[in-house]
Amino acid sequence: MRGLARGRVFVGLVLIALCGARGHDALAENAPVRPSIKASALYMVDLKSGRVLLEKNATRRLPPASLTKVMTALVALETASPHVVTIDRRALLHRSSLKLHAGEQFLLRDLLTAMLVTSANDACQAVALHVGGEADRFVTMMNERARALGLENTHFANACGFDAPGHYSTAADLAKLTEQALRAPAFSMMVRTVTRDIASVDGTRHVPLHSTNELLLDPDVTGVKTGYTSKAGRCVIASMFKDGHQLLLVGLNVMDRWEQATQLLRYGQAVLRAGNE
């Protein structure tokens, strides 16, 4: 009898092991296939759980191009007053602009929208000068905010993201920065804007804005920012909200930026969905 009982226990353990193995195999078969990452650095996180879904060289210091403007917007939204900006002549020296004129007045929120939606550098410089009084003073404010956020591998040399010595960040730091910025409803609304017109305070000038972010053609994408310089390559911060989860993707020097970002975000969704099944 004892031998029979032991035999039954052994058979039971074998069946459990086989079922477990089959279950594991089934999960493996259903698991999303991880796509290759064609970027110098990348970081993707589920903001709801804090789970990091993908990363590559996430703490490597690289030029962030116009992803810098996320910090510019955050500092301006947290500190700026008054809310009417008079365009300073010193803001008109840069390309990628709205062709603003010295002395014109715009609402701060409209210049911030232009800076984030079309990456307008004259709008960016106008905001920096309005908030900081001097360009260098505003950059100091940016770096102080970076330290307060614990961005240990980030340092700014200008407000707009021009390539410069000592101007760098990382994919992980930019994700942390963007998560903070997205908590501001005004910022969150601006970065999901596809098209919009802004006007000078006196109504004599109207400027159409068209987003540089092609990912916004996807209804699940909710922002955030694009960037490019010859040194930084093509960069992107993208957020996607679906099924109660918000994915945040940061890519620096990304090949096939739109196609790859879409593929990686959909992979992240599939991972989260598989984990909930």
Protein backbone atom coordinates (compact mmCIF):
# COMPACT_ATOMS: atom_id res chain seq x y z
CA MET A 1 0.00 0.00 0.00
CA ARG A 2 2.79 2.37 0.84
CA GLY A 3 4.41 1.66 -2.55
CA LEU A 4 1.10 2.35 -4.31
CA ALA A 5 0.66 5.64 -2.46
CA ARG A 6 4.20 6.70 -3.31
CA GLY A 7 3.54 5.82 -6.94
CA ARG A 8 0.43 7.98 -6.98
CA VAL A 9 2.32 10.92 -5.47
CA PHE A 10 5.07 10.51 -8.06
CA VAL A 11 2.55 10.44 -10.94
CA GLY A 12 0.85 13.49 -9.52
CA LEU A 13 4.11 15.41 -9.34
CA VAL A 14 4.93 14.45 -12.92
CA LEU A 15 1.52 15.67 -14.11
CA ILE A 16 1.94 18.96 -12.25
CA ALA A 17 5.38 19.42 -13.79
CA LEU A 18 4.05 18.66 -17.27
CA CYS A 19 1.11 21.04 -16.88
CA GLY A 20 3.44 23.71 -15.60
CA ALA A 21 5.79 23.23 -18.53
CA ARG A 22 2.90 23.35 -21.00
CA GLY A 23 1.56 26.49 -19.33
CA HIS A 24 4.99 28.06 -19.53
CA ASP A 25 5.25 27.11 -23.21
CA ALA A 26 1.83 28.60 -23.90
CA LEU A 27 2.84 31.84 -22.22
CA ALA A 28 6.06 31.90 -24.22
CA GLU A 29 4.11 31.36 -27.45
CA ASN A 30 1.78 34.26 -26.62
CA ALA A 31 4.51 36.60 -25.40
CA PRO A 32 5.08 39.63 -27.65
CA VAL A 33 8.24 39.50 -29.73
CA ARG A 34 10.63 42.18 -28.59
CA PRO A 35 11.54 44.44 -31.52
CA SER A 36 15.10 45.50 -32.16
CA ILE A 37 16.01 48.97 -30.90
CA LYS A 38 17.63 51.12 -33.56
CA ALA A 39 18.62 54.12 -31.49
CA SER A 40 21.63 55.38 -29.58
CA ALA A 41 19.54 55.36 -26.39
CA LEU A 42 16.00 54.45 -25.46
CA TYR A 43 13.79 54.15 -22.39
CA MET A 44 10.13 53.10 -22.19
CA VAL A 45 8.14 52.97 -18.97
CA ASP A 46 4.54 52.37 -17.91
CA LEU A 47 3.77 55.42 -15.80
CA LYS A 48 0.93 53.68 -13.97
CA SER A 49 3.09 50.94 -12.48
CA GLY A 50 6.57 52.38 -12.95
CA ARG A 51 7.54 49.22 -14.83
CA VAL A 52 10.39 49.72 -17.29
CA LEU A 53 9.48 47.86 -20.48
CA LEU A 54 12.48 48.64 -22.66
CA GLU A 55 15.82 50.33 -22.22
CA LYS A 56 19.06 50.74 -24.10
CA ASN A 57 21.91 52.97 -22.93
CA ALA A 58 19.29 54.74 -20.82
CA THR A 59 21.84 56.58 -18.67
CA ARG A 60 24.23 57.50 -21.49
CA ARG A 61 24.76 61.27 -21.79
CA LEU A 62 23.74 62.47 -25.25
CA PRO A 63 22.61 65.73 -26.88
CA PRO A 64 18.82 66.00 -26.49
CA ALA A 65 18.10 68.53 -29.27
CA SER A 66 14.67 70.16 -28.85
CA LEU A 67 13.57 67.65 -26.22
CA THR A 68 15.25 70.34 -24.08
CA LYS A 69 12.11 72.43 -24.53
CA VAL A 70 10.24 70.18 -22.11
CA MET A 71 12.35 71.66 -19.32
CA THR A 72 11.97 75.17 -20.75
CA ALA A 73 8.20 74.78 -20.66
CA LEU A 74 8.18 73.29 -17.16
CA VAL A 75 10.27 76.14 -15.70
CA ALA A 76 8.13 78.75 -17.46
CA LEU A 77 4.84 77.23 -16.32
CA GLU A 78 6.06 76.99 -12.73
CA THR A 79 7.56 80.47 -12.44
CA ALA A 80 6.37 82.89 -15.13
CA SER A 81 4.49 86.07 -14.36
CA PRO A 82 3.07 88.18 -15.97
CA HIS A 83 1.42 86.13 -18.69
CA VAL A 84 1.86 88.62 -21.54
CA VAL A 85 5.24 88.41 -23.28
CA THR A 86 6.76 91.32 -25.17
CA ILE A 87 9.07 89.91 -27.84
CA ASP A 88 12.67 90.84 -27.10
CA ARG A 89 14.88 91.59 -30.09
CA ARG A 90 17.45 89.11 -28.72
CA ALA A 91 14.95 86.29 -29.32
CA LEU A 92 14.95 86.76 -33.08
CA LEU A 93 18.36 85.35 -33.95
CA HIS A 94 17.45 81.70 -34.46
CA ARG A 95 16.09 79.48 -37.19
CA SER A 96 12.95 77.35 -36.91
CA SER A 97 10.89 80.36 -36.03
CA LEU A 98 7.47 81.98 -36.21
CA LYS A 99 9.05 85.09 -37.75
CA LEU A 100 8.13 87.12 -34.69
CA HIS A 101 8.86 90.85 -34.54
CA ALA A 102 10.45 92.80 -31.70
CA GLY A 103 7.84 94.60 -29.59
CA GLU A 104 4.97 92.29 -30.48
CA GLN A 105 3.04 90.87 -27.57
CA PHE A 106 1.76 87.32 -27.21
CA LEU A 107 0.24 85.37 -24.37
CA LEU A 108 2.83 83.19 -22.66
CA ARG A 109 0.70 80.07 -23.14
CA ASP A 110 0.57 80.71 -26.91
CA LEU A 111 4.35 81.01 -27.17
CA LEU A 112 4.76 77.85 -25.09
CA THR A 113 2.36 76.06 -27.41
CA ALA A 114 4.32 77.23 -30.45
CA MET A 115 7.56 76.13 -28.82
CA LEU A 116 6.23 72.64 -28.04
CA VAL A 117 4.09 72.07 -31.14
CA THR A 118 6.29 73.49 -33.91
CA SER A 119 9.57 73.70 -31.95
CA ALA A 120 9.78 77.42 -32.74
CA ASN A 121 13.13 78.68 -31.47
CA ASP A 122 12.24 82.37 -31.49
CA ALA A 123 9.23 81.58 -29.29
CA CYS A 124 11.52 79.52 -27.03
CA GLN A 125 14.05 82.33 -26.69
CA ALA A 126 11.29 84.87 -26.09
CA VAL A 127 9.96 82.72 -23.25
CA ALA A 128 13.43 82.27 -21.74
CA LEU A 129 14.14 86.00 -21.81
CA HIS A 130 10.69 86.81 -20.42
CA VAL A 131 11.08 84.44 -17.49
CA GLY A 132 14.78 84.80 -16.74
CA GLY A 133 15.50 88.34 -17.91
CA GLU A 134 18.76 87.05 -19.38
CA ALA A 135 19.34 83.85 -21.33
CA ASP A 136 22.06 82.69 -18.94
CA ARG A 137 19.84 83.29 -15.93
CA PHE A 138 17.10 81.17 -17.43
CA VAL A 139 19.54 78.32 -18.14
CA THR A 140 20.61 78.48 -14.49
CA MET A 141 16.96 78.06 -13.54
CA MET A 142 16.72 75.02 -15.82
CA ASN A 143 19.74 73.40 -14.21
CA GLU A 144 18.46 74.16 -10.72
CA ARG A 145 15.17 72.46 -11.60
CA ALA A 146 17.06 69.48 -13.04
CA ARG A 147 18.93 69.05 -9.76
CA ALA A 148 15.70 69.34 -7.78
CA LEU A 149 14.22 66.53 -9.89
CA GLY A 150 17.28 64.35 -9.32
CA LEU A 151 18.35 64.39 -12.97
CA GLU A 152 21.96 63.51 -12.24
CA ASN A 153 23.02 63.07 -15.87
CA THR A 154 21.45 66.23 -17.27
CA HIS A 155 22.93 69.66 -17.84
CA PHE A 156 21.70 72.47 -20.05
CA ALA A 157 23.66 75.16 -21.87
CA ASN A 158 20.70 76.83 -23.63
CA ALA A 159 16.91 76.87 -23.54
CA CYS A 160 16.15 75.52 -27.00
CA GLY A 161 18.35 72.47 -27.44
CA PHE A 162 21.12 73.72 -29.71
CA ASP A 163 24.22 71.52 -29.74
CA ALA A 164 26.75 72.99 -27.31
CA PRO A 165 29.47 71.82 -24.91
CA GLY A 166 27.92 70.83 -21.60
CA HIS A 167 24.44 70.41 -23.07
CA TYR A 168 23.33 66.80 -22.50
CA SER A 169 20.76 64.51 -20.97
CA THR A 170 19.80 60.83 -20.96
CA ALA A 171 16.76 58.85 -22.03
CA ALA A 172 16.00 57.95 -18.40
CA ASP A 173 16.37 61.54 -17.17
CA LEU A 174 14.18 62.88 -19.96
CA ALA A 175 11.49 60.35 -19.07
CA LYS A 176 11.55 61.50 -15.45
CA LEU A 177 11.42 65.14 -16.55
CA THR A 178 8.52 64.52 -18.91
CA GLU A 179 6.56 62.60 -16.30
CA GLN A 180 6.81 65.66 -14.07
CA ALA A 181 5.82 68.04 -16.88
CA LEU A 182 2.79 65.92 -17.86
CA ARG A 183 1.34 66.50 -14.40
CA ALA A 184 0.71 70.10 -15.46
CA PRO A 185 -2.64 70.14 -17.32
CA ALA A 186 -1.52 73.05 -19.52
CA PHE A 187 1.58 71.18 -20.68
CA SER A 188 -0.36 67.96 -21.26
CA MET A 189 -2.86 69.84 -23.43
CA MET A 190 -0.19 71.66 -25.45
CA VAL A 191 1.83 68.58 -26.38
CA ARG A 192 -1.17 66.77 -27.84
CA THR A 193 -2.06 69.69 -30.14
CA VAL A 194 -1.96 68.85 -33.84
CA THR A 195 -2.98 72.18 -35.37
CA ARG A 196 -3.89 75.51 -33.87
CA ASP A 197 -3.73 79.24 -34.61
CA ILE A 198 -2.29 81.78 -32.19
CA ALA A 199 -2.59 85.54 -32.38
CA SER A 200 -0.79 88.55 -31.01
CA VAL A 201 -2.49 90.26 -28.09
CA ASP A 202 -3.68 93.13 -30.30
CA GLY A 203 -5.00 90.71 -32.90
CA THR A 204 -2.96 92.08 -35.78
CA ARG A 205 -0.94 88.88 -36.29
CA HIS A 206 -2.22 85.34 -36.66
CA VAL A 207 0.17 82.41 -36.79
CA PRO A 208 -0.88 78.87 -37.78
CA LEU A 209 0.79 76.05 -35.86
CA HIS A 210 1.25 72.51 -37.19
CA SER A 211 2.78 69.81 -35.02
CA THR A 212 6.14 68.29 -35.91
CA ASN A 213 5.00 65.08 -34.20
CA GLU A 214 3.63 62.66 -36.79
CA LEU A 215 2.82 60.15 -34.05
CA LEU A 216 -0.18 62.29 -33.11
CA LEU A 217 -1.97 60.87 -36.15
CA ASP A 218 -2.50 57.82 -33.90
CA PRO A 219 -5.52 58.54 -31.66
CA ASP A 220 -3.87 56.74 -28.73
CA VAL A 221 -0.81 59.01 -28.79
CA THR A 222 -0.98 61.97 -26.39
CA GLY A 223 2.30 63.79 -27.13
CA VAL A 224 5.02 64.78 -26.46
CA LYS A 225 8.01 66.32 -28.31
CA THR A 226 10.33 65.87 -31.25
CA GLY A 227 13.87 67.09 -31.76
CA TYR A 228 16.65 67.13 -34.30
CA THR A 229 20.16 68.50 -34.68
CA SER A 230 23.03 67.20 -36.79
CA LYS A 231 24.79 66.01 -33.64
CA ALA A 232 21.77 64.64 -31.75
CA GLY A 233 20.09 62.98 -34.70
CA ARG A 234 16.32 62.45 -34.66
CA CYS A 235 14.91 62.33 -31.16
CA VAL A 236 11.44 61.79 -29.77
CA ILE A 237 9.45 61.69 -26.56
CA ALA A 238 6.13 59.91 -27.08
CA SER A 239 3.28 59.12 -24.73
CA MET A 240 0.45 56.72 -25.44
CA PHE A 241 -2.65 56.12 -23.31
CA LYS A 242 -4.70 52.96 -23.70
CA ASP A 243 -6.52 50.49 -21.42
CA GLY A 244 -5.75 52.55 -18.32
CA HIS A 245 -1.99 52.61 -18.92
CA GLN A 246 0.17 55.51 -20.06
CA LEU A 247 3.36 54.53 -21.83
CA LEU A 248 6.20 57.00 -22.04
CA LEU A 249 8.93 56.45 -24.63
CA VAL A 250 12.14 58.46 -24.97
CA GLY A 251 14.43 57.82 -27.93
CA LEU A 252 17.70 59.60 -28.76
CA ASN A 253 19.19 59.39 -32.26
CA VAL A 254 16.41 57.10 -33.47
CA MET A 255 16.47 55.50 -36.90
CA ASP A 256 13.14 55.44 -38.77
CA ARG A 257 11.74 57.52 -35.95
CA TRP A 258 7.99 57.33 -36.61
CA GLU A 259 7.88 53.69 -37.66
CA GLN A 260 10.08 52.50 -34.84
CA ALA A 261 8.38 54.58 -32.13
CA THR A 262 4.99 53.22 -33.18
CA GLN A 263 6.31 49.65 -33.19
CA LEU A 264 7.87 50.02 -29.75
CA LEU A 265 4.78 51.60 -28.21
CA ARG A 266 2.57 48.83 -29.59
CA TYR A 267 5.01 46.29 -28.20
CA GLY A 268 4.69 47.95 -24.79
CA GLN A 269 0.92 47.73 -25.01
CA ALA A 270 1.14 44.04 -25.90
CA VAL A 271 3.43 43.34 -22.94
CA LEU A 272 1.02 45.02 -20.54
CA ARG A 273 -1.96 43.27 -22.07
CA ALA A 274 -0.24 39.88 -21.81
CA GLY A 275 0.55 40.56 -18.17
CA ASN A 276 -3.10 41.28 -17.41
CA GLU A 277 -4.50 38.16 -19.09
